[in-house]
PDB file of all heavy atoms in Angstrom:
ATOM      1  N   SER A   1     -41.904 127.663  66.392  1.00  0.00           N
ATOM      2  CA  SER A   1     -42.920 128.680  66.136  1.00  0.00           C
ATOM      3  C   SER A   1     -43.788 128.959  67.353  1.00  0.00           C
ATOM      4  O   SER A   1     -44.460 129.988  67.424  1.00  0.00           O
ATOM      5  CB  SER A   1     -43.822 128.253  64.969  1.00  0.00           C
ATOM      6  OG  SER A   1     -44.439 127.003  65.252  1.00  0.00           O
ATOM      7  N   GLY A   2     -43.794 128.056  68.319  1.00  0.00           N
ATOM      8  CA  GLY A   2     -44.596 128.242  69.524  1.00  0.00           C
ATOM      9  C   GLY A   2     -43.733 128.365  70.760  1.00  0.00           C
ATOM     10  O   GLY A   2     -42.513 128.171  70.719  1.00  0.00           O
ATOM     11  N   PRO A   3     -44.341 128.694  71.902  1.00  0.00           N
ATOM     12  CA  PRO A   3     -43.593 128.841  73.157  1.00  0.00           C
ATOM     13  C   PRO A   3     -43.145 127.493  73.708  1.00  0.00           C
ATOM     14  O   PRO A   3     -43.702 126.445  73.366  1.00  0.00           O
ATOM     15  CB  PRO A   3     -44.604 129.515  74.090  1.00  0.00           C
ATOM     16  CG  PRO A   3     -45.934 129.050  73.570  1.00  0.00           C
ATOM     17  CD  PRO A   3     -45.778 128.966  72.082  1.00  0.00           C
ATOM     18  N   ASN A   4     -42.123 127.537  74.559  1.00  0.00           N
ATOM     19  CA  ASN A   4     -41.671 126.340  75.288  1.00  0.00           C
ATOM     20  C   ASN A   4     -41.321 125.176  74.367  1.00  0.00           C
ATOM     21  O   ASN A   4     -41.633 124.023  74.643  1.00  0.00           O
ATOM     22  CB  ASN A   4     -42.721 125.905  76.311  1.00  0.00           C
ATOM     23  CG  ASN A   4     -43.078 127.011  77.271  1.00  0.00           C
ATOM     24  OD1 ASN A   4     -42.194 127.694  77.776  1.00  0.00           O
ATOM     25  ND2 ASN A   4     -44.361 127.229  77.488  1.00  0.00           N
ATOM     26  N   ALA A   5     -40.666 125.506  73.242  1.00  0.00           N
ATOM     27  CA  ALA A   5     -40.198 124.496  72.281  1.00  0.00           C
ATOM     28  C   ALA A   5     -41.346 123.667  71.712  1.00  0.00           C
ATOM     29  O   ALA A   5     -41.220 122.470  71.501  1.00  0.00           O
ATOM     30  CB  ALA A   5     -39.145 123.597  72.913  1.00  0.00           C
ATOM     31  N   THR A   6     -42.470 124.324  71.455  1.00  0.00           N
ATOM     32  CA  THR A   6     -43.602 123.663  70.811  1.00  0.00           C
ATOM     33  C   THR A   6     -43.777 124.235  69.412  1.00  0.00           C
ATOM     34  O   THR A   6     -43.147 125.213  69.029  1.00  0.00           O
ATOM     35  CB  THR A   6     -44.896 123.865  71.617  1.00  0.00           C
ATOM     36  OG1 THR A   6     -45.168 125.267  71.699  1.00  0.00           O
ATOM     37  CG2 THR A   6     -44.770 123.297  73.014  1.00  0.00           C
ATOM     38  N   GLY A   7     -44.704 123.635  68.659  1.00  0.00           N
ATOM     39  CA  GLY A   7     -44.951 124.102  67.305  1.00  0.00           C
ATOM     40  C   GLY A   7     -43.909 123.591  66.330  1.00  0.00           C
ATOM     41  O   GLY A   7     -43.105 122.712  66.634  1.00  0.00           O
ATOM     42  N   ARG A   8     -43.895 124.178  65.154  1.00  0.00           N
ATOM     43  CA  ARG A   8     -43.008 123.742  64.077  1.00  0.00           C
ATOM     44  C   ARG A   8     -41.598 124.273  64.299  1.00  0.00           C
ATOM     45  O   ARG A   8     -41.408 125.424  64.697  1.00  0.00           O
ATOM     46  CB  ARG A   8     -43.575 124.253  62.751  1.00  0.00           C
ATOM     47  CG  ARG A   8     -42.750 123.936  61.518  1.00  0.00           C
ATOM     48  CD  ARG A   8     -43.495 124.390  60.267  1.00  0.00           C
ATOM     49  NE  ARG A   8     -43.838 125.799  60.342  1.00  0.00           N
ATOM     50  CZ  ARG A   8     -43.055 126.777  59.889  1.00  0.00           C
ATOM     51  NH1 ARG A   8     -41.858 126.490  59.356  1.00  0.00           N
ATOM     52  NH2 ARG A   8     -43.438 128.033  59.965  1.00  0.00           N
ATOM     53  N   MET A   9     -40.590 123.412  64.053  1.00  0.00           N
ATOM     54  CA  MET A   9     -39.217 123.891  64.090  1.00  0.00           C
ATOM     55  C   MET A   9     -38.981 124.743  62.847  1.00  0.00           C
ATOM     56  O   MET A   9     -39.191 124.297  61.733  1.00  0.00           O
ATOM     57  CB  MET A   9     -38.205 122.753  64.135  1.00  0.00           C
ATOM     58  CG  MET A   9     -36.755 123.264  64.273  1.00  0.00           C
ATOM     59  SD  MET A   9     -35.496 121.977  64.125  1.00  0.00           S
ATOM     60  CE  MET A   9     -35.849 121.000  65.575  1.00  0.00           C
ATOM     61  N   THR A  10     -38.582 125.982  63.057  1.00  0.00           N
ATOM     62  CA  THR A  10     -38.433 126.908  61.945  1.00  0.00           C
ATOM     63  C   THR A  10     -36.988 127.141  61.518  1.00  0.00           C
ATOM     64  O   THR A  10     -36.741 127.558  60.387  1.00  0.00           O
ATOM     65  CB  THR A  10     -39.047 128.271  62.316  1.00  0.00           C
ATOM     66  OG1 THR A  10     -38.386 128.794  63.481  1.00  0.00           O
ATOM     67  CG2 THR A  10     -40.544 128.126  62.603  1.00  0.00           C
ATOM     68  N   ARG A  11     -36.057 126.896  62.400  1.00  0.00           N
ATOM     69  CA  ARG A  11     -34.652 127.145  62.071  1.00  0.00           C
ATOM     70  C   ARG A  11     -33.757 126.361  63.005  1.00  0.00           C
ATOM     71  O   ARG A  11     -34.117 126.090  64.154  1.00  0.00           O
ATOM     72  CB  ARG A  11     -34.346 128.652  62.186  1.00  0.00           C
ATOM     73  CG  ARG A  11     -32.975 129.066  61.644  1.00  0.00           C
ATOM     74  CD  ARG A  11     -32.987 130.551  61.260  1.00  0.00           C
ATOM     75  NE  ARG A  11     -33.343 131.405  62.375  1.00  0.00           N
ATOM     76  CZ  ARG A  11     -32.437 131.980  63.178  1.00  0.00           C
ATOM     77  NH1 ARG A  11     -31.143 131.766  62.985  1.00  0.00           N
ATOM     78  NH2 ARG A  11     -32.818 132.759  64.168  1.00  0.00           N
ATOM     79  N   HIS A  12     -32.563 126.016  62.508  1.00  0.00           N
ATOM     80  CA  HIS A  12     -31.610 125.231  63.289  1.00  0.00           C
ATOM     81  C   HIS A  12     -30.209 125.697  62.942  1.00  0.00           C
ATOM     82  O   HIS A  12     -29.846 125.802  61.769  1.00  0.00           O
ATOM     83  CB  HIS A  12     -31.774 123.743  62.970  1.00  0.00           C
ATOM     84  CG  HIS A  12     -30.726 122.875  63.578  1.00  0.00           C
ATOM     85  ND1 HIS A  12     -29.581 122.502  62.914  1.00  0.00           N
ATOM     86  CD2 HIS A  12     -30.640 122.322  64.805  1.00  0.00           C
ATOM     87  CE1 HIS A  12     -28.840 121.739  63.695  1.00  0.00           C
ATOM     88  NE2 HIS A  12     -29.453 121.617  64.845  1.00  0.00           N
ATOM     89  N   THR A  13     -29.414 126.027  63.954  1.00  0.00           N
ATOM     90  CA  THR A  13     -28.026 126.420  63.723  1.00  0.00           C
ATOM     91  C   THR A  13     -27.120 125.646  64.664  1.00  0.00           C
ATOM     92  O   THR A  13     -27.536 125.217  65.743  1.00  0.00           O
ATOM     93  CB  THR A  13     -27.807 127.932  63.965  1.00  0.00           C
ATOM     94  OG1 THR A  13     -28.012 128.238  65.353  1.00  0.00           O
ATOM     95  CG2 THR A  13     -28.763 128.766  63.130  1.00  0.00           C
ATOM     96  N   LYS A  14     -25.867 125.484  64.258  1.00  0.00           N
ATOM     97  CA  LYS A  14     -24.892 124.784  65.086  1.00  0.00           C
ATOM     98  C   LYS A  14     -23.513 125.356  64.814  1.00  0.00           C
ATOM     99  O   LYS A  14     -23.156 125.633  63.671  1.00  0.00           O
ATOM    100  CB  LYS A  14     -24.913 123.279  64.792  1.00  0.00           C
ATOM    101  CG  LYS A  14     -24.082 122.441  65.755  1.00  0.00           C
ATOM    102  CD  LYS A  14     -24.293 120.959  65.503  1.00  0.00           C
ATOM    103  CE  LYS A  14     -23.552 120.101  66.506  1.00  0.00           C
ATOM    104  NZ  LYS A  14     -23.782 118.644  66.290  1.00  0.00           N
ATOM    105  N   GLN A  15     -22.733 125.544  65.883  1.00  0.00           N
ATOM    106  CA  GLN A  15     -21.387 126.072  65.738  1.00  0.00           C
ATOM    107  C   GLN A  15     -20.434 125.382  66.699  1.00  0.00           C
ATOM    108  O   GLN A  15     -20.831 124.952  67.772  1.00  0.00           O
ATOM    109  CB  GLN A  15     -21.374 127.588  65.987  1.00  0.00           C
ATOM    110  CG  GLN A  15     -21.665 127.987  67.433  1.00  0.00           C
ATOM    111  CD  GLN A  15     -21.837 129.480  67.607  1.00  0.00           C
ATOM    112  OE1 GLN A  15     -22.799 130.057  67.110  1.00  0.00           O
ATOM    113  NE2 GLN A  15     -20.898 130.105  68.323  1.00  0.00           N
ATOM    114  N   ARG A  16     -19.183 125.272  66.290  1.00  0.00           N
ATOM    115  CA  ARG A  16     -18.133 124.765  67.163  1.00  0.00           C
ATOM    116  C   ARG A  16     -17.588 125.921  67.988  1.00  0.00           C
ATOM    117  O   ARG A  16     -17.224 126.959  67.447  1.00  0.00           O
ATOM    118  CB  ARG A  16     -17.026 124.114  66.334  1.00  0.00           C
ATOM    119  CG  ARG A  16     -15.766 123.660  67.112  1.00  0.00           C
ATOM    120  CD  ARG A  16     -16.044 122.670  68.232  1.00  0.00           C
ATOM    121  NE  ARG A  16     -16.837 121.524  67.890  1.00  0.00           N
ATOM    122  CZ  ARG A  16     -16.334 120.360  67.426  1.00  0.00           C
ATOM    123  NH1 ARG A  16     -15.034 120.228  67.262  1.00  0.00           N
ATOM    124  NH2 ARG A  16     -17.142 119.340  67.154  1.00  0.00           N
ATOM    125  N   CYS A  17     -17.568 125.754  69.308  1.00  0.00           N
ATOM    126  CA  CYS A  17     -17.088 126.803  70.208  1.00  0.00           C
ATOM    127  C   CYS A  17     -15.635 126.542  70.589  1.00  0.00           C
ATOM    128  O   CYS A  17     -15.227 125.398  70.768  1.00  0.00           O
ATOM    129  CB  CYS A  17     -17.939 126.853  71.470  1.00  0.00           C
ATOM    130  SG  CYS A  17     -19.689 127.123  71.182  1.00  0.00           S
ATOM    131  N   HIS A  18     -14.886 127.598  70.730  1.00  0.00           N
ATOM    132  CA  HIS A  18     -13.506 127.509  71.207  1.00  0.00           C
ATOM    133  C   HIS A  18     -13.308 128.553  72.297  1.00  0.00           C
ATOM    134  O   HIS A  18     -12.300 129.237  72.357  1.00  0.00           O
ATOM    135  CB  HIS A  18     -12.527 127.750  70.054  1.00  0.00           C
ATOM    136  CG  HIS A  18     -12.643 126.764  68.940  1.00  0.00           C
ATOM    137  ND1 HIS A  18     -12.066 125.511  68.969  1.00  0.00           N
ATOM    138  CD2 HIS A  18     -13.307 126.827  67.774  1.00  0.00           C
ATOM    139  CE1 HIS A  18     -12.344 124.852  67.857  1.00  0.00           C
ATOM    140  NE2 HIS A  18     -13.108 125.628  67.113  1.00  0.00           N
ATOM    141  N   SER A  19     -14.302 128.663  73.171  1.00  0.00           N
ATOM    142  CA  SER A  19     -14.358 129.825  74.040  1.00  0.00           C
ATOM    143  C   SER A  19     -14.502 129.501  75.521  1.00  0.00           C
ATOM    144  O   SER A  19     -15.192 130.207  76.250  1.00  0.00           O
ATOM    145  CB  SER A  19     -15.509 130.738  73.599  1.00  0.00           C
ATOM    146  OG  SER A  19     -15.380 131.078  72.245  1.00  0.00           O
ATOM    147  N   TYR A  20     -13.873 128.410  75.979  1.00  0.00           N
ATOM    148  CA  TYR A  20     -13.752 128.253  77.418  1.00  0.00           C
ATOM    149  C   TYR A  20     -12.951 129.437  77.951  1.00  0.00           C
ATOM    150  O   TYR A  20     -11.965 129.856  77.340  1.00  0.00           O
ATOM    151  CB  TYR A  20     -13.026 126.960  77.773  1.00  0.00           C
ATOM    152  CG  TYR A  20     -13.860 125.704  77.606  1.00  0.00           C
ATOM    153  CD1 TYR A  20     -13.465 124.701  76.725  1.00  0.00           C
ATOM    154  CD2 TYR A  20     -15.019 125.516  78.339  1.00  0.00           C
ATOM    155  CE1 TYR A  20     -14.214 123.544  76.580  1.00  0.00           C
ATOM    156  CE2 TYR A  20     -15.773 124.371  78.209  1.00  0.00           C
ATOM    157  CZ  TYR A  20     -15.372 123.381  77.318  1.00  0.00           C
ATOM    158  OH  TYR A  20     -16.129 122.255  77.193  1.00  0.00           O
ATOM    159  N   VAL A  21     -13.378 129.981  79.086  1.00  0.00           N
ATOM    160  CA  VAL A  21     -12.688 131.147  79.637  1.00  0.00           C
ATOM    161  C   VAL A  21     -12.008 130.790  80.959  1.00  0.00           C
ATOM    162  O   VAL A  21     -12.025 129.640  81.394  1.00  0.00           O
ATOM    163  CB  VAL A  21     -13.670 132.327  79.808  1.00  0.00           C
ATOM    164  CG1 VAL A  21     -14.101 132.861  78.448  1.00  0.00           C
ATOM    165  CG2 VAL A  21     -14.882 131.924  80.636  1.00  0.00           C
ATOM    166  N   ARG A  22     -11.416 131.777  81.590  1.00  0.00           N
ATOM    167  CA  ARG A  22     -10.499 131.560  82.709  1.00  0.00           C
ATOM    168  C   ARG A  22     -11.050 130.646  83.804  1.00  0.00           C
ATOM    169  O   ARG A  22     -10.344 129.756  84.292  1.00  0.00           O
ATOM    170  CB  ARG A  22     -10.127 132.923  83.305  1.00  0.00           C
ATOM    171  CG  ARG A  22      -9.374 132.798  84.614  1.00  0.00           C
ATOM    172  CD  ARG A  22      -9.041 134.117  85.246  1.00  0.00           C
ATOM    173  NE  ARG A  22      -8.592 133.889  86.627  1.00  0.00           N
ATOM    174  CZ  ARG A  22      -7.957 134.795  87.350  1.00  0.00           C
ATOM    175  NH1 ARG A  22      -7.696 135.983  86.849  1.00  0.00           N
ATOM    176  NH2 ARG A  22      -7.594 134.510  88.590  1.00  0.00           N
ATOM    177  N   SER A  23     -12.293 130.882  84.223  1.00  0.00           N
ATOM    178  CA  SER A  23     -12.812 130.134  85.375  1.00  0.00           C
ATOM    179  C   SER A  23     -12.896 128.631  85.117  1.00  0.00           C
ATOM    180  O   SER A  23     -12.865 127.841  86.058  1.00  0.00           O
ATOM    181  CB  SER A  23     -14.191 130.675  85.778  1.00  0.00           C
ATOM    182  OG  SER A  23     -14.068 131.944  86.377  1.00  0.00           O
ATOM    183  N   MET A  24     -13.007 128.225  83.858  1.00  0.00           N
ATOM    184  CA  MET A  24     -13.025 126.796  83.546  1.00  0.00           C
ATOM    185  C   MET A  24     -11.727 126.144  84.026  1.00  0.00           C
ATOM    186  O   MET A  24     -11.733 125.089  84.668  1.00  0.00           O
ATOM    187  CB  MET A  24     -13.199 126.598  82.039  1.00  0.00           C
ATOM    188  CG  MET A  24     -13.267 125.148  81.615  1.00  0.00           C
ATOM    189  SD  MET A  24     -14.794 124.360  82.202  1.00  0.00           S
ATOM    190  CE  MET A  24     -14.653 122.758  81.426  1.00  0.00           C
ATOM    191  N   ILE A  25     -10.612 126.786  83.732  1.00  0.00           N
ATOM    192  CA  ILE A  25      -9.313 126.243  84.125  1.00  0.00           C
ATOM    193  C   ILE A  25      -9.090 126.402  85.626  1.00  0.00           C
ATOM    194  O   ILE A  25      -8.535 125.508  86.290  1.00  0.00           O
ATOM    195  CB  ILE A  25      -8.189 126.925  83.335  1.00  0.00           C
ATOM    196  CG1 ILE A  25      -8.349 126.618  81.842  1.00  0.00           C
ATOM    197  CG2 ILE A  25      -6.813 126.485  83.827  1.00  0.00           C
ATOM    198  CD1 ILE A  25      -8.341 125.127  81.509  1.00  0.00           C
ATOM    199  N   ASP A  26      -9.537 127.534  86.185  1.00  0.00           N
ATOM    200  CA  ASP A  26      -9.364 127.748  87.625  1.00  0.00           C
ATOM    201  C   ASP A  26     -10.068 126.658  88.436  1.00  0.00           C
ATOM    202  O   ASP A  26      -9.508 126.120  89.405  1.00  0.00           O
ATOM    203  CB  ASP A  26      -9.921 129.121  88.021  1.00  0.00           C
ATOM    204  CG  ASP A  26      -9.136 130.270  87.421  1.00  0.00           C
ATOM    205  OD1 ASP A  26      -7.973 130.043  87.036  1.00  0.00           O
ATOM    206  OD2 ASP A  26      -9.687 131.380  87.346  1.00  0.00           O
ATOM    207  N   ILE A  27     -11.303 126.308  88.037  1.00  0.00           N
ATOM    208  CA  ILE A  27     -12.060 125.291  88.765  1.00  0.00           C
ATOM    209  C   ILE A  27     -11.467 123.902  88.539  1.00  0.00           C
ATOM    210  O   ILE A  27     -11.390 123.081  89.461  1.00  0.00           O
ATOM    211  CB  ILE A  27     -13.546 125.342  88.353  1.00  0.00           C
ATOM    212  CG1 ILE A  27     -14.168 126.652  88.857  1.00  0.00           C
ATOM    213  CG2 ILE A  27     -14.311 124.150  88.904  1.00  0.00           C
ATOM    214  CD1 ILE A  27     -15.563 126.917  88.353  1.00  0.00           C
ATOM    215  N   LEU A  28     -11.021 123.626  87.314  1.00  0.00           N
ATOM    216  CA  LEU A  28     -10.365 122.336  87.054  1.00  0.00           C
ATOM    217  C   LEU A  28      -9.097 122.198  87.893  1.00  0.00           C
ATOM    218  O   LEU A  28      -8.816 121.136  88.452  1.00  0.00           O
ATOM    219  CB  LEU A  28     -10.014 122.210  85.571  1.00  0.00           C
ATOM    220  CG  LEU A  28     -11.131 121.767  84.629  1.00  0.00           C
ATOM    221  CD1 LEU A  28     -10.631 121.813  83.184  1.00  0.00           C
ATOM    222  CD2 LEU A  28     -11.611 120.366  84.973  1.00  0.00           C
ATOM    223  N   HIS A  29      -8.324 123.275  87.968  1.00  0.00           N
ATOM    224  CA  HIS A  29      -7.088 123.239  88.755  1.00  0.00           C
ATOM    225  C   HIS A  29      -7.384 122.927  90.213  1.00  0.00           C
ATOM    226  O   HIS A  29      -6.692 122.115  90.844  1.00  0.00           O
ATOM    227  CB  HIS A  29      -6.365 124.579  88.636  1.00  0.00           C
ATOM    228  CG  HIS A  29      -5.200 124.732  89.567  1.00  0.00           C
ATOM    229  ND1 HIS A  29      -5.267 125.456  90.747  1.00  0.00           N
ATOM    230  CD2 HIS A  29      -3.946 124.215  89.521  1.00  0.00           C
ATOM    231  CE1 HIS A  29      -4.108 125.399  91.364  1.00  0.00           C
ATOM    232  NE2 HIS A  29      -3.289 124.651  90.646  1.00  0.00           N
ATOM    233  N   GLU A  30      -8.435 123.551  90.756  1.00  0.00           N
ATOM    234  CA  GLU A  30      -8.794 123.277  92.144  1.00  0.00           C
ATOM    235  C   GLU A  30      -9.154 121.804  92.326  1.00  0.00           C
ATOM    236  O   GLU A  30      -8.757 121.161  93.302  1.00  0.00           O
ATOM    237  CB  GLU A  30      -9.981 124.147  92.565  1.00  0.00           C
ATOM    238  CG  GLU A  30     -10.398 123.932  94.010  1.00  0.00           C
ATOM    239  CD  GLU A  30     -11.873 124.191  94.250  1.00  0.00           C
ATOM    240  OE1 GLU A  30     -12.632 124.288  93.277  1.00  0.00           O
ATOM    241  OE2 GLU A  30     -12.263 124.284  95.428  1.00  0.00           O
ATOM    242  N   GLY A  31      -9.902 121.257  91.364  1.00  0.00           N
ATOM    243  CA  GLY A  31     -10.284 119.853  91.453  1.00  0.00           C
ATOM    244  C   GLY A  31      -9.099 118.907  91.374  1.00  0.00           C
ATOM    245  O   GLY A  31      -9.038 117.909  92.094  1.00  0.00           O
ATOM    246  N   TYR A  32      -8.151 119.237  90.508  1.00  0.00           N
ATOM    247  CA  TYR A  32      -6.980 118.374  90.353  1.00  0.00           C
ATOM    248  C   TYR A  32      -6.087 118.405  91.584  1.00  0.00           C
ATOM    249  O   TYR A  32      -5.464 117.409  91.944  1.00  0.00           O
ATOM    250  CB  TYR A  32      -6.166 118.813  89.129  1.00  0.00           C
ATOM    251  CG  TYR A  32      -6.591 118.154  87.839  1.00  0.00           C
ATOM    252  CD1 TYR A  32      -7.791 118.484  87.241  1.00  0.00           C
ATOM    253  CD2 TYR A  32      -5.795 117.196  87.218  1.00  0.00           C
ATOM    254  CE1 TYR A  32      -8.194 117.895  86.053  1.00  0.00           C
ATOM    255  CE2 TYR A  32      -6.175 116.592  86.034  1.00  0.00           C
ATOM    256  CZ  TYR A  32      -7.386 116.940  85.452  1.00  0.00           C
ATOM    257  OH  TYR A  32      -7.786 116.341  84.286  1.00  0.00           O
ATOM    258  N   THR A  33      -6.006 119.555  92.245  1.00  0.00           N
ATOM    259  CA  THR A  33      -5.103 119.669  93.389  1.00  0.00           C
ATOM    260  C   THR A  33      -5.801 119.356  94.712  1.00  0.00           C
ATOM    261  O   THR A  33      -5.130 119.111  95.715  1.00  0.00           O
ATOM    262  CB  THR A  33      -4.529 121.102  93.468  1.00  0.00           C
ATOM    263  OG1 THR A  33      -5.613 122.042  93.576  1.00  0.00           O
ATOM    264  CG2 THR A  33      -3.705 121.413  92.231  1.00  0.00           C
ATOM    265  N   ASN A  34      -7.163 119.391  94.704  1.00  0.00           N
ATOM    266  CA  ASN A  34      -7.951 119.113  95.909  1.00  0.00           C
ATOM    267  C   ASN A  34      -7.476 119.972  97.077  1.00  0.00           C
ATOM    268  O   ASN A  34      -7.293 119.493  98.195  1.00  0.00           O
ATOM    269  CB  ASN A  34      -7.886 117.630  96.283  1.00  0.00           C
ATOM    270  CG  ASN A  34      -8.936 117.266  97.331  1.00  0.00           C
ATOM    271  OD1 ASN A  34     -10.046 117.792  97.306  1.00  0.00           O
ATOM    272  ND2 ASN A  34      -8.594 116.370  98.235  1.00  0.00           N
ATOM    273  N   ALA A  35      -7.253 121.239  96.792  1.00  0.00           N
ATOM    274  CA  ALA A  35      -6.742 122.140  97.818  1.00  0.00           C
ATOM    275  C   ALA A  35      -7.351 123.520  97.634  1.00  0.00           C
ATOM    276  O   ALA A  35      -7.795 123.887  96.547  1.00  0.00           O
ATOM    277  CB  ALA A  35      -5.221 122.229  97.736  1.00  0.00           C
ATOM    278  N   GLN A  36      -7.373 124.281  98.713  1.00  0.00           N
ATOM    279  CA  GLN A  36      -7.861 125.656  98.635  1.00  0.00           C
ATOM    280  C   GLN A  36      -6.956 126.479  97.730  1.00  0.00           C
ATOM    281  O   GLN A  36      -5.736 126.390  97.807  1.00  0.00           O
ATOM    282  CB  GLN A  36      -7.889 126.266 100.033  1.00  0.00           C
ATOM    283  CG  GLN A  36      -8.261 127.735 100.050  1.00  0.00           C
ATOM    284  CD  GLN A  36      -8.368 128.270 101.461  1.00  0.00           C
ATOM    285  OE1 GLN A  36      -9.401 128.148 102.085  1.00  0.00           O
ATOM    286  NE2 GLN A  36      -7.282 128.846 101.970  1.00  0.00           N
ATOM    287  N   VAL A  37      -7.581 127.277  96.841  1.00  0.00           N
ATOM    288  CA  VAL A  37      -6.829 128.160  95.953  1.00  0.00           C
ATOM    289  C   VAL A  37      -7.232 129.592  96.284  1.00  0.00           C
ATOM    290  O   VAL A  37      -8.323 130.036  95.922  1.00  0.00           O
ATOM    291  CB  VAL A  37      -7.107 127.846  94.473  1.00  0.00           C
ATOM    292  CG1 VAL A  37      -6.231 128.719  93.577  1.00  0.00           C
ATOM    293  CG2 VAL A  37      -6.873 126.371  94.176  1.00  0.00           C
TER     294      VAL A  37
END
């Protein structure tokens, strides 16, 4: 209810995400290969 996460908690939601996108894999691939891509 207040600024900067102060005051009373008025609502809470939670969801499971399945939305990693392309750059997640691109950066992981670079890390695994330790080479310029």
